[in-house]
Amino acid sequence: MRRLRFRLAISAPQLLQYYQGRTGALSVQTEQGVRLQIGLHHFRTFVSHDGLQGYFEITLNAENQFQQLARL
């Protein structure tokens, strides 16, 4: 298992553009220098009226497939 951490700060209006179908994934740069594309649906539980903000950790399996996303 591989764990990577990153920060997000996306305002509500910016996030609305994503949900209106302009894209289905977020591209993030992790602290470890890895660029990932993560399906937007994985972040739904973390969205608030202010948008999507926080410090996150994604867990990937040995084949680099999504396993879990958590806000730290």
C-alpha atoms as a PDB file:
ATOM      1  CA  MET A   1       0.000   0.000   0.000  1.00  0.00           C
ATOM      2  CA  ARG A   2       1.144   3.494  -0.790  1.00  0.00           C
ATOM      3  CA  ARG A   3      -0.020   6.629   1.024  1.00  0.00           C
ATOM      4  CA  LEU A   4       0.282  10.093  -0.502  1.00  0.00           C
ATOM      5  CA  ARG A   5      -0.709  13.432   1.035  1.00  0.00           C
ATOM      6  CA  PHE A   6      -1.875  16.686  -0.529  1.00  0.00           C
ATOM      7  CA  ARG A   7      -3.737  19.900   0.238  1.00  0.00           C
ATOM      8  CA  LEU A   8      -6.790  21.255  -1.557  1.00  0.00           C
ATOM      9  CA  ALA A   9      -8.411  24.675  -1.495  1.00  0.00           C
ATOM     10  CA  ILE A  10     -11.226  24.874  -4.043  1.00  0.00           C
ATOM     11  CA  SER A  11     -13.918  27.509  -3.585  1.00  0.00           C
ATOM     12  CA  ALA A  12     -17.612  26.674  -3.936  1.00  0.00           C
ATOM     13  CA  PRO A  13     -17.943  28.473  -7.325  1.00  0.00           C
ATOM     14  CA  GLN A  14     -14.887  26.654  -8.679  1.00  0.00           C
ATOM     15  CA  LEU A  15     -16.200  23.341  -7.419  1.00  0.00           C
ATOM     16  CA  LEU A  16     -19.566  23.977  -9.038  1.00  0.00           C
ATOM     17  CA  GLN A  17     -17.837  24.101 -12.435  1.00  0.00           C
ATOM     18  CA  TYR A  18     -16.478  20.606 -11.812  1.00  0.00           C
ATOM     19  CA  TYR A  19     -19.885  19.271 -10.807  1.00  0.00           C
ATOM     20  CA  GLN A  20     -21.553  20.824 -13.850  1.00  0.00           C
ATOM     21  CA  GLY A  21     -19.735  18.278 -15.968  1.00  0.00           C
ATOM     22  CA  ARG A  22     -16.708  20.170 -17.182  1.00  0.00           C
ATOM     23  CA  THR A  23     -14.467  17.502 -15.676  1.00  0.00           C
ATOM     24  CA  GLY A  24     -14.820  14.273 -13.742  1.00  0.00           C
ATOM     25  CA  ALA A  25     -11.484  14.334 -11.944  1.00  0.00           C
ATOM     26  CA  LEU A  26      -9.175  16.581  -9.967  1.00  0.00           C
ATOM     27  CA  SER A  27      -5.478  16.733 -10.727  1.00  0.00           C
ATOM     28  CA  VAL A  28      -3.408  17.098  -7.562  1.00  0.00           C
ATOM     29  CA  GLN A  29       0.300  17.368  -6.806  1.00  0.00           C
ATOM     30  CA  THR A  30       1.213  15.357  -3.708  1.00  0.00           C
ATOM     31  CA  GLU A  31       3.836  16.315  -1.147  1.00  0.00           C
ATOM     32  CA  GLN A  32       5.889  13.429  -2.510  1.00  0.00           C
ATOM     33  CA  GLY A  33       6.004  15.071  -5.952  1.00  0.00           C
ATOM     34  CA  VAL A  34       3.540  12.707  -7.628  1.00  0.00           C
ATOM     35  CA  ARG A  35       0.777  14.112  -9.844  1.00  0.00           C
ATOM     36  CA  LEU A  36      -2.504  12.196  -9.523  1.00  0.00           C
ATOM     37  CA  GLN A  37      -5.895  12.413 -11.159  1.00  0.00           C
ATOM     38  CA  ILE A  38      -8.579  11.489  -8.661  1.00  0.00           C
ATOM     39  CA  GLY A  39     -12.237  11.025  -9.542  1.00  0.00           C
ATOM     40  CA  LEU A  40     -14.288  13.903  -8.197  1.00  0.00           C
ATOM     41  CA  HIS A  41     -16.871  11.507  -6.773  1.00  0.00           C
ATOM     42  CA  HIS A  42     -14.327  10.408  -4.132  1.00  0.00           C
ATOM     43  CA  PHE A  43     -14.466  13.908  -2.586  1.00  0.00           C
ATOM     44  CA  ARG A  44     -18.257  14.248  -2.203  1.00  0.00           C
ATOM     45  CA  THR A  45     -18.293  13.554   1.532  1.00  0.00           C
ATOM     46  CA  PHE A  46     -15.745  16.347   2.104  1.00  0.00           C
ATOM     47  CA  VAL A  47     -17.592  19.129   0.249  1.00  0.00           C
ATOM     48  CA  SER A  48     -19.053  21.966   2.345  1.00  0.00           C
ATOM     49  CA  HIS A  49     -20.769  25.275   1.581  1.00  0.00           C
ATOM     50  CA  ASP A  50     -17.297  26.823   1.372  1.00  0.00           C
ATOM     51  CA  GLY A  51     -16.116  24.318  -1.244  1.00  0.00           C
ATOM     52  CA  LEU A  52     -13.491  21.635  -0.841  1.00  0.00           C
ATOM     53  CA  GLN A  53     -10.633  22.380   1.498  1.00  0.00           C
ATOM     54  CA  GLY A  54      -8.293  20.407   3.650  1.00  0.00           C
ATOM     55  CA  TYR A  55      -5.301  18.156   3.993  1.00  0.00           C
ATOM     56  CA  PHE A  56      -5.910  14.712   2.486  1.00  0.00           C
ATOM     57  CA  GLU A  57      -4.279  11.311   2.336  1.00  0.00           C
ATOM     58  CA  ILE A  58      -4.973   8.872  -0.476  1.00  0.00           C
ATOM     59  CA  THR A  59      -4.158   5.197  -0.181  1.00  0.00           C
ATOM     60  CA  LEU A  60      -3.278   3.250  -3.331  1.00  0.00           C
ATOM     61  CA  ASN A  61      -2.784  -0.492  -3.712  1.00  0.00           C
ATOM     62  CA  ALA A  62       0.269  -2.181  -5.275  1.00  0.00           C
ATOM     63  CA  GLU A  63      -1.158  -1.518  -8.773  1.00  0.00           C
ATOM     64  CA  ASN A  64      -1.616   2.206  -7.916  1.00  0.00           C
ATOM     65  CA  GLN A  65      -5.388   1.851  -7.831  1.00  0.00           C
ATOM     66  CA  PHE A  66      -7.525   3.902  -5.460  1.00  0.00           C
ATOM     67  CA  GLN A  67      -8.234   2.286  -2.093  1.00  0.00           C
ATOM     68  CA  GLN A  68      -9.197   5.076   0.318  1.00  0.00           C
ATOM     69  CA  LEU A  69      -9.308   8.841   0.749  1.00  0.00           C
ATOM     70  CA  ALA A  70      -9.255  10.520   4.150  1.00  0.00           C
ATOM     71  CA  ARG A  71      -9.119  14.109   5.366  1.00  0.00           C
ATOM     72  CA  LEU A  72      -6.448  14.501   8.038  1.00  0.00           C
END
